Amino acid sequence: MTFVLLYHYQQQEIALQKLEESFANLPQQKKLKRDKAAFVEKQKKFVHDKTELQKIVSRLEKSEREKAICEEEAKKQNELLYSGLVSSQREIASLNQQIESLQEKTENLQEKVLQMMEQKEEKEKALHIMQQDLQHDYNAFQALKKEYEVQKKEINDAIAQKKEETEAVWNQLEEKWQQWYVNNKNYLRDMPLTILYKNNSCGHCHTVVPLMTGRHARKNPGTVRCEKCGRYFLAEEEMQ
């Protein structure tokens, strides 16, 4: 009966280990990390592009001010030219030259303004799309996080319950058998006991043992070891 209890404890430990591994390897957890990293990179790109838009707007406003100044100055020069206050050909020629220069500068500034307005519009559209993508990704991230929290709680609850069950079985064992289990567990990679099936095959490595070995194992549970994997046999019949 002691070895049946030991085997039961062993299986509880294995089940607990699998639960802990399933928690550590939750697919939602890995995806959350990947999605968060991707989201941060998108945010950086959004902030960078938003800064670039602000620079375009700043340059656009500066060019528009310069254009307005040139237009105002050209208007003043035109008014002076046709006011009758300038009579010498030299002064008239100088005014015409200034007006042409201002008009040329105004045209160049107008071209720059149009180009920057186009850049501004394209950047605003791109940022709008990017913002929508970020919102979509954020919503998807929150939904995945919620799913992960549910899975996390379920597994943590299962782990807590399994720990209680495992501890309860452990407390039923005498100290000498607890020590026997610890010693053999360390030596046999966390699994000191295995089932010997009715066909005399090892429940761990599936090696078929000789008939006499099987009979001896059934008469003396927990004392006969598999010649291949080294684990102690507990007859299948004992578990029924």
C-alpha atoms as a PDB file:
ATOM      1  CA  MET A   1       0.000   0.000   0.000  1.00  0.00           C
ATOM      2  CA  THR A   2       2.916   2.334   0.771  1.00  0.00           C
ATOM      3  CA  PHE A   3       4.265   2.098  -2.765  1.00  0.00           C
ATOM      4  CA  VAL A   4       0.820   2.730  -4.212  1.00  0.00           C
ATOM      5  CA  LEU A   5       0.725   5.908  -2.141  1.00  0.00           C
ATOM      6  CA  LEU A   6       4.246   6.808  -3.283  1.00  0.00           C
ATOM      7  CA  TYR A   7       3.255   6.252  -6.893  1.00  0.00           C
ATOM      8  CA  HIS A   8       0.153   8.386  -6.385  1.00  0.00           C
ATOM      9  CA  TYR A   9       2.335  11.146  -4.928  1.00  0.00           C
ATOM     10  CA  GLN A  10       4.738  10.850  -7.839  1.00  0.00           C
ATOM     11  CA  GLN A  11       1.914  11.255 -10.352  1.00  0.00           C
ATOM     12  CA  GLN A  12       0.603  14.252  -8.425  1.00  0.00           C
ATOM     13  CA  GLU A  13       4.057  15.837  -8.621  1.00  0.00           C
ATOM     14  CA  ILE A  14       4.272  15.169 -12.352  1.00  0.00           C
ATOM     15  CA  ALA A  15       0.828  16.697 -12.877  1.00  0.00           C
ATOM     16  CA  LEU A  16       1.860  19.728 -10.812  1.00  0.00           C
ATOM     17  CA  GLN A  17       5.041  20.142 -12.842  1.00  0.00           C
ATOM     18  CA  LYS A  18       3.056  20.014 -16.090  1.00  0.00           C
ATOM     19  CA  LEU A  19       0.688  22.678 -14.792  1.00  0.00           C
ATOM     20  CA  GLU A  20       3.604  24.930 -13.850  1.00  0.00           C
ATOM     21  CA  GLU A  21       5.181  24.361 -17.261  1.00  0.00           C
ATOM     22  CA  SER A  22       1.889  25.128 -19.002  1.00  0.00           C
ATOM     23  CA  PHE A  23       1.741  28.395 -17.073  1.00  0.00           C
ATOM     24  CA  ALA A  24       5.299  29.301 -18.058  1.00  0.00           C
ATOM     25  CA  ASN A  25       4.557  28.448 -21.703  1.00  0.00           C
ATOM     26  CA  LEU A  26       1.161  30.067 -22.095  1.00  0.00           C
ATOM     27  CA  PRO A  27       0.939  31.081 -25.786  1.00  0.00           C
ATOM     28  CA  GLN A  28      -0.899  34.263 -24.799  1.00  0.00           C
ATOM     29  CA  GLN A  29       2.064  35.312 -22.644  1.00  0.00           C
ATOM     30  CA  LYS A  30       4.556  34.938 -25.489  1.00  0.00           C
ATOM     31  CA  LYS A  31       2.235  36.679 -27.932  1.00  0.00           C
ATOM     32  CA  LEU A  32       1.678  39.518 -25.460  1.00  0.00           C
ATOM     33  CA  LYS A  33       5.425  40.136 -25.331  1.00  0.00           C
ATOM     34  CA  ARG A  34       5.737  40.082 -29.132  1.00  0.00           C
ATOM     35  CA  ASP A  35       2.683  42.303 -29.622  1.00  0.00           C
ATOM     36  CA  LYS A  36       3.839  44.767 -26.974  1.00  0.00           C
ATOM     37  CA  ALA A  37       7.267  45.077 -28.615  1.00  0.00           C
ATOM     38  CA  ALA A  38       5.656  45.607 -32.034  1.00  0.00           C
ATOM     39  CA  PHE A  39       3.225  48.156 -30.561  1.00  0.00           C
ATOM     40  CA  VAL A  40       6.074  50.134 -28.961  1.00  0.00           C
ATOM     41  CA  GLU A  41       7.909  50.253 -32.298  1.00  0.00           C
ATOM     42  CA  LYS A  42       4.751  51.507 -34.033  1.00  0.00           C
ATOM     43  CA  GLN A  43       4.317  54.139 -31.348  1.00  0.00           C
ATOM     44  CA  LYS A  44       7.895  55.323 -31.889  1.00  0.00           C
ATOM     45  CA  LYS A  45       7.249  55.579 -35.627  1.00  0.00           C
ATOM     46  CA  PHE A  46       4.015  57.487 -34.975  1.00  0.00           C
ATOM     47  CA  VAL A  47       5.768  59.961 -32.651  1.00  0.00           C
ATOM     48  CA  HIS A  48       8.593  60.398 -35.176  1.00  0.00           C
ATOM     49  CA  ASP A  49       6.187  61.046 -38.042  1.00  0.00           C
ATOM     50  CA  LYS A  50       4.134  63.412 -35.895  1.00  0.00           C
ATOM     51  CA  THR A  51       7.299  65.390 -35.149  1.00  0.00           C
ATOM     52  CA  GLU A  52       8.081  65.485 -38.868  1.00  0.00           C
ATOM     53  CA  LEU A  53       4.561  66.821 -39.520  1.00  0.00           C
ATOM     54  CA  GLN A  54       5.108  69.569 -36.949  1.00  0.00           C
ATOM     55  CA  LYS A  55       8.335  70.542 -38.728  1.00  0.00           C
ATOM     56  CA  ILE A  56       6.520  70.668 -42.076  1.00  0.00           C
ATOM     57  CA  VAL A  57       3.769  72.832 -40.541  1.00  0.00           C
ATOM     58  CA  SER A  58       6.384  75.143 -39.026  1.00  0.00           C
ATOM     59  CA  ARG A  59       8.206  75.529 -42.350  1.00  0.00           C
ATOM     60  CA  LEU A  60       4.906  76.021 -44.155  1.00  0.00           C
ATOM     61  CA  GLU A  61       3.827  78.796 -41.794  1.00  0.00           C
ATOM     62  CA  LYS A  62       7.229  80.492 -42.157  1.00  0.00           C
ATOM     63  CA  SER A  63       7.046  80.353 -45.966  1.00  0.00           C
ATOM     64  CA  GLU A  64       3.477  81.692 -45.924  1.00  0.00           C
ATOM     65  CA  ARG A  65       4.614  84.634 -43.750  1.00  0.00           C
ATOM     66  CA  GLU A  66       7.544  85.338 -46.064  1.00  0.00           C
ATOM     67  CA  LYS A  67       5.226  85.162 -49.069  1.00  0.00           C
ATOM     68  CA  ALA A  68       2.780  87.589 -47.446  1.00  0.00           C
ATOM     69  CA  ILE A  69       5.642  90.017 -46.687  1.00  0.00           C
ATOM     70  CA  CYS A  70       6.888  89.807 -50.293  1.00  0.00           C
ATOM     71  CA  GLU A  71       3.379  90.401 -51.651  1.00  0.00           C
ATOM     72  CA  GLU A  72       2.885  93.377 -49.349  1.00  0.00           C
ATOM     73  CA  GLU A  73       6.263  94.852 -50.316  1.00  0.00           C
ATOM     74  CA  ALA A  74       5.537  94.345 -54.029  1.00  0.00           C
ATOM     75  CA  LYS A  75       2.177  96.074 -53.572  1.00  0.00           C
ATOM     76  CA  LYS A  76       3.860  99.061 -51.921  1.00  0.00           C
ATOM     77  CA  GLN A  77       6.451  99.268 -54.712  1.00  0.00           C
ATOM     78  CA  ASN A  78       3.668  99.121 -57.329  1.00  0.00           C
ATOM     79  CA  GLU A  79       1.757 101.871 -55.579  1.00  0.00           C
ATOM     80  CA  LEU A  80       4.905 103.990 -55.444  1.00  0.00           C
ATOM     81  CA  LEU A  81       5.611 103.327 -59.125  1.00  0.00           C
ATOM     82  CA  TYR A  82       2.177 104.530 -60.212  1.00  0.00           C
ATOM     83  CA  SER A  83       1.814 107.297 -57.630  1.00  0.00           C
ATOM     84  CA  GLY A  84       3.544 109.878 -59.769  1.00  0.00           C
ATOM     85  CA  LEU A  85       6.052 110.554 -57.032  1.00  0.00           C
ATOM     86  CA  VAL A  86       8.842 108.844 -58.979  1.00  0.00           C
ATOM     87  CA  SER A  87       9.807 110.618 -62.190  1.00  0.00           C
ATOM     88  CA  SER A  88      13.377 109.733 -63.090  1.00  0.00           C
ATOM     89  CA  GLN A  89      13.938 106.775 -65.397  1.00  0.00           C
ATOM     90  CA  ARG A  90      16.647 105.492 -63.123  1.00  0.00           C
ATOM     91  CA  GLU A  91      14.292 105.327 -60.114  1.00  0.00           C
ATOM     92  CA  ILE A  92      11.531 103.773 -62.246  1.00  0.00           C
ATOM     93  CA  ALA A  93      13.946 101.113 -63.540  1.00  0.00           C
ATOM     94  CA  SER A  94      15.076 100.398 -59.982  1.00  0.00           C
ATOM     95  CA  LEU A  95      11.474 100.046 -58.796  1.00  0.00           C
ATOM     96  CA  ASN A  96      10.609  97.716 -61.688  1.00  0.00           C
ATOM     97  CA  GLN A  97      13.653  95.590 -60.893  1.00  0.00           C
ATOM     98  CA  GLN A  98      12.651  95.373 -57.210  1.00  0.00           C
ATOM     99  CA  ILE A  99       9.067  94.495 -58.158  1.00  0.00           C
ATOM    100  CA  GLU A 100      10.239  91.724 -60.526  1.00  0.00           C
ATOM    101  CA  SER A 101      12.572  90.366 -57.867  1.00  0.00           C
ATOM    102  CA  LEU A 102       9.760  90.351 -55.306  1.00  0.00           C
ATOM    103  CA  GLN A 103       7.376  88.677 -57.747  1.00  0.00           C
ATOM    104  CA  GLU A 104       9.962  85.992 -58.543  1.00  0.00           C
ATOM    105  CA  LYS A 105      10.566  85.415 -54.843  1.00  0.00           C
ATOM    106  CA  THR A 106       6.792  85.277 -54.256  1.00  0.00           C
ATOM    107  CA  GLU A 107       6.377  82.673 -57.017  1.00  0.00           C
ATOM    108  CA  ASN A 108       9.187  80.556 -55.569  1.00  0.00           C
ATOM    109  CA  LEU A 109       7.642  80.800 -52.116  1.00  0.00           C
ATOM    110  CA  GLN A 110       4.224  79.916 -53.536  1.00  0.00           C
ATOM    111  CA  GLU A 111       5.718  76.800 -55.120  1.00  0.00           C
ATOM    112  CA  LYS A 112       7.329  75.853 -51.803  1.00  0.00           C
ATOM    113  CA  VAL A 113       4.029  76.470 -49.993  1.00  0.00           C
ATOM    114  CA  LEU A 114       2.132  74.193 -52.398  1.00  0.00           C
ATOM    115  CA  GLN A 115       4.745  71.441 -52.069  1.00  0.00           C
ATOM    116  CA  MET A 116       4.675  71.632 -48.284  1.00  0.00           C
ATOM    117  CA  MET A 117       0.873  71.677 -48.226  1.00  0.00           C
ATOM    118  CA  GLU A 118       0.933  68.471 -50.259  1.00  0.00           C
ATOM    119  CA  GLN A 119       3.513  66.948 -47.894  1.00  0.00           C
ATOM    120  CA  LYS A 120       1.418  68.040 -44.919  1.00  0.00           C
ATOM    121  CA  GLU A 121      -1.723  66.455 -46.361  1.00  0.00           C
ATOM    122  CA  GLU A 122       0.051  63.167 -47.156  1.00  0.00           C
ATOM    123  CA  LYS A 123       1.647  63.038 -43.704  1.00  0.00           C
ATOM    124  CA  GLU A 124      -1.690  63.780 -41.991  1.00  0.00           C
ATOM    125  CA  LYS A 125      -3.383  60.960 -43.922  1.00  0.00           C
ATOM    126  CA  ALA A 126      -0.551  58.548 -43.068  1.00  0.00           C
ATOM    127  CA  LEU A 127      -0.730  59.543 -39.386  1.00  0.00           C
ATOM    128  CA  HIS A 128      -4.496  59.081 -39.355  1.00  0.00           C
ATOM    129  CA  ILE A 129      -4.150  55.558 -40.750  1.00  0.00           C
ATOM    130  CA  MET A 130      -1.312  54.827 -38.320  1.00  0.00           C
ATOM    131  CA  GLN A 131      -3.397  56.087 -35.405  1.00  0.00           C
ATOM    132  CA  GLN A 132      -6.260  53.796 -36.414  1.00  0.00           C
ATOM    133  CA  ASP A 133      -3.832  50.863 -36.643  1.00  0.00           C
ATOM    134  CA  LEU A 134      -2.455  51.692 -33.204  1.00  0.00           C
ATOM    135  CA  GLN A 135      -5.951  51.811 -31.734  1.00  0.00           C
ATOM    136  CA  HIS A 136      -6.791  48.471 -33.367  1.00  0.00           C
ATOM    137  CA  ASP A 137      -3.572  46.924 -32.062  1.00  0.00           C
ATOM    138  CA  TYR A 138      -4.202  48.349 -28.592  1.00  0.00           C
ATOM    139  CA  ASN A 139      -7.729  46.898 -28.497  1.00  0.00           C
ATOM    140  CA  ALA A 140      -6.425  43.519 -29.686  1.00  0.00           C
ATOM    141  CA  PHE A 141      -3.663  43.662 -27.057  1.00  0.00           C
ATOM    142  CA  GLN A 142      -6.159  44.404 -24.278  1.00  0.00           C
ATOM    143  CA  ALA A 143      -8.418  41.550 -25.418  1.00  0.00           C
ATOM    144  CA  LEU A 144      -5.452  39.157 -25.468  1.00  0.00           C
ATOM    145  CA  LYS A 145      -4.328  40.406 -22.066  1.00  0.00           C
ATOM    146  CA  LYS A 146      -7.806  39.751 -20.666  1.00  0.00           C
ATOM    147  CA  GLU A 147      -7.753  36.234 -22.137  1.00  0.00           C
ATOM    148  CA  TYR A 148      -4.283  35.700 -20.645  1.00  0.00           C
ATOM    149  CA  GLU A 149      -5.437  36.850 -17.197  1.00  0.00           C
ATOM    150  CA  VAL A 150      -8.331  34.354 -17.324  1.00  0.00           C
ATOM    151  CA  GLN A 151      -5.980  31.525 -18.342  1.00  0.00           C
ATOM    152  CA  LYS A 152      -3.460  32.622 -15.735  1.00  0.00           C
ATOM    153  CA  LYS A 153      -6.070  32.550 -12.959  1.00  0.00           C
ATOM    154  CA  GLU A 154      -7.392  29.153 -14.036  1.00  0.00           C
ATOM    155  CA  ILE A 155      -3.904  27.620 -14.070  1.00  0.00           C
ATOM    156  CA  ASN A 156      -2.898  29.298 -10.804  1.00  0.00           C
ATOM    157  CA  ASP A 157      -6.057  27.966  -9.170  1.00  0.00           C
ATOM    158  CA  ALA A 158      -5.318  24.505 -10.565  1.00  0.00           C
ATOM    159  CA  ILE A 159      -1.721  24.713  -9.314  1.00  0.00           C
ATOM    160  CA  ALA A 160      -2.868  25.754  -5.830  1.00  0.00           C
ATOM    161  CA  GLN A 161      -5.363  22.879  -5.707  1.00  0.00           C
ATOM    162  CA  LYS A 162      -2.804  20.381  -6.995  1.00  0.00           C
ATOM    163  CA  LYS A 163      -0.272  21.550  -4.386  1.00  0.00           C
ATOM    164  CA  GLU A 164      -2.833  20.927  -1.633  1.00  0.00           C
ATOM    165  CA  GLU A 165      -3.604  17.472  -3.015  1.00  0.00           C
ATOM    166  CA  THR A 166       0.100  16.642  -3.346  1.00  0.00           C
ATOM    167  CA  GLU A 167       0.855  17.839   0.174  1.00  0.00           C
ATOM    168  CA  ALA A 168      -2.043  15.798   1.539  1.00  0.00           C
ATOM    169  CA  VAL A 169      -0.644  12.609  -0.019  1.00  0.00           C
ATOM    170  CA  TRP A 170       2.877  13.456   1.199  1.00  0.00           C
ATOM    171  CA  ASN A 171       1.666  13.870   4.763  1.00  0.00           C
ATOM    172  CA  GLN A 172       0.258  10.337   4.691  1.00  0.00           C
ATOM    173  CA  LEU A 173       3.735   8.904   4.185  1.00  0.00           C
ATOM    174  CA  GLU A 174       6.088   7.950   6.992  1.00  0.00           C
ATOM    175  CA  GLU A 175       9.280   9.964   7.168  1.00  0.00           C
ATOM    176  CA  LYS A 176      11.459   7.010   6.095  1.00  0.00           C
ATOM    177  CA  TRP A 177       9.408   6.621   2.897  1.00  0.00           C
ATOM    178  CA  GLN A 178       9.505  10.321   2.274  1.00  0.00           C
ATOM    179  CA  GLN A 179      13.292  10.096   2.456  1.00  0.00           C
ATOM    180  CA  TRP A 180      13.287   7.013   0.218  1.00  0.00           C
ATOM    181  CA  TYR A 181      11.283   8.924  -2.378  1.00  0.00           C
ATOM    182  CA  VAL A 182      13.535  12.015  -2.239  1.00  0.00           C
ATOM    183  CA  ASN A 183      16.713   9.968  -2.608  1.00  0.00           C
ATOM    184  CA  ASN A 184      15.419   7.910  -5.527  1.00  0.00           C
ATOM    185  CA  LYS A 185      13.711  10.854  -7.172  1.00  0.00           C
ATOM    186  CA  ASN A 186      17.010  12.749  -7.413  1.00  0.00           C
ATOM    187  CA  TYR A 187      18.726   9.667  -8.804  1.00  0.00           C
ATOM    188  CA  LEU A 188      15.982   8.674 -11.254  1.00  0.00           C
ATOM    189  CA  ARG A 189      15.092  12.061 -12.740  1.00  0.00           C
ATOM    190  CA  ASP A 190      11.930  12.859 -10.769  1.00  0.00           C
ATOM    191  CA  MET A 191      10.292   9.483 -11.443  1.00  0.00           C
ATOM    192  CA  PRO A 192      11.457   6.639  -9.169  1.00  0.00           C
ATOM    193  CA  LEU A 193       8.409   4.406  -9.664  1.00  0.00           C
ATOM    194  CA  THR A 194       6.764   2.989 -12.760  1.00  0.00           C
ATOM    195  CA  ILE A 195       3.991   0.567 -13.616  1.00  0.00           C
ATOM    196  CA  LEU A 196       4.760  -3.025 -14.581  1.00  0.00           C
ATOM    197  CA  TYR A 197       1.982  -3.903 -17.000  1.00  0.00           C
ATOM    198  CA  LYS A 198       0.327  -7.300 -17.229  1.00  0.00           C
ATOM    199  CA  ASN A 199       2.374  -8.131 -20.334  1.00  0.00           C
ATOM    200  CA  ASN A 200       5.537  -7.523 -18.233  1.00  0.00           C
ATOM    201  CA  SER A 201       6.420  -4.271 -20.045  1.00  0.00           C
ATOM    202  CA  CYS A 202       7.900  -1.287 -18.203  1.00  0.00           C
ATOM    203  CA  GLY A 203       5.510   1.665 -17.999  1.00  0.00           C
ATOM    204  CA  HIS A 204       8.385   4.118 -18.508  1.00  0.00           C
ATOM    205  CA  CYS A 205      10.735   2.715 -21.155  1.00  0.00           C
ATOM    206  CA  HIS A 206       8.412  -0.104 -22.418  1.00  0.00           C
ATOM    207  CA  THR A 207      11.100  -2.757 -22.006  1.00  0.00           C
ATOM    208  CA  VAL A 208       9.595  -6.261 -21.609  1.00  0.00           C
ATOM    209  CA  VAL A 209      11.173  -7.932 -18.588  1.00  0.00           C
ATOM    210  CA  PRO A 210      11.676 -11.700 -18.143  1.00  0.00           C
ATOM    211  CA  LEU A 211       8.764 -13.680 -16.719  1.00  0.00           C
ATOM    212  CA  MET A 212      10.595 -14.489 -13.481  1.00  0.00           C
ATOM    213  CA  THR A 213      11.494 -10.818 -12.960  1.00  0.00           C
ATOM    214  CA  GLY A 214       7.849  -9.919 -13.417  1.00  0.00           C
ATOM    215  CA  ARG A 215       6.726 -12.491 -10.861  1.00  0.00           C
ATOM    216  CA  HIS A 216       9.304 -11.290  -8.356  1.00  0.00           C
ATOM    217  CA  ALA A 217       8.257  -7.673  -8.905  1.00  0.00           C
ATOM    218  CA  ARG A 218       4.635  -8.539  -8.235  1.00  0.00           C
ATOM    219  CA  LYS A 219       5.474 -10.350  -5.022  1.00  0.00           C
ATOM    220  CA  ASN A 220       7.774  -7.571  -3.828  1.00  0.00           C
ATOM    221  CA  PRO A 221       6.413  -4.213  -5.064  1.00  0.00           C
ATOM    222  CA  GLY A 222       8.868  -1.344  -5.062  1.00  0.00           C
ATOM    223  CA  THR A 223      11.968  -3.551  -4.779  1.00  0.00           C
ATOM    224  CA  VAL A 224      12.574  -4.787  -8.340  1.00  0.00           C
ATOM    225  CA  ARG A 225      14.011  -2.319 -10.840  1.00  0.00           C
ATOM    226  CA  CYS A 226      13.791  -2.160 -14.616  1.00  0.00           C
ATOM    227  CA  GLU A 227      17.108  -3.333 -16.066  1.00  0.00           C
ATOM    228  CA  LYS A 228      16.988  -0.548 -18.671  1.00  0.00           C
ATOM    229  CA  CYS A 229      15.656   2.645 -17.021  1.00  0.00           C
ATOM    230  CA  GLY A 230      16.327   1.669 -13.392  1.00  0.00           C
ATOM    231  CA  ARG A 231      12.887   2.562 -12.051  1.00  0.00           C
ATOM    232  CA  TYR A 232      11.154   0.480  -9.384  1.00  0.00           C
ATOM    233  CA  PHE A 233       8.209  -1.632 -10.505  1.00  0.00           C
ATOM    234  CA  LEU A 234       4.727  -1.411  -9.113  1.00  0.00           C
ATOM    235  CA  ALA A 235       2.424  -4.030 -10.625  1.00  0.00           C
ATOM    236  CA  GLU A 236      -0.544  -2.800 -12.639  1.00  0.00           C
ATOM    237  CA  GLU A 237      -2.750  -5.059 -10.557  1.00  0.00           C
ATOM    238  CA  GLU A 238      -1.730  -3.128  -7.426  1.00  0.00           C
ATOM    239  CA  MET A 239      -3.223   0.052  -8.853  1.00  0.00           C
ATOM    240  CA  GLN A 240      -6.695  -1.427  -9.420  1.00  0.00           C
END
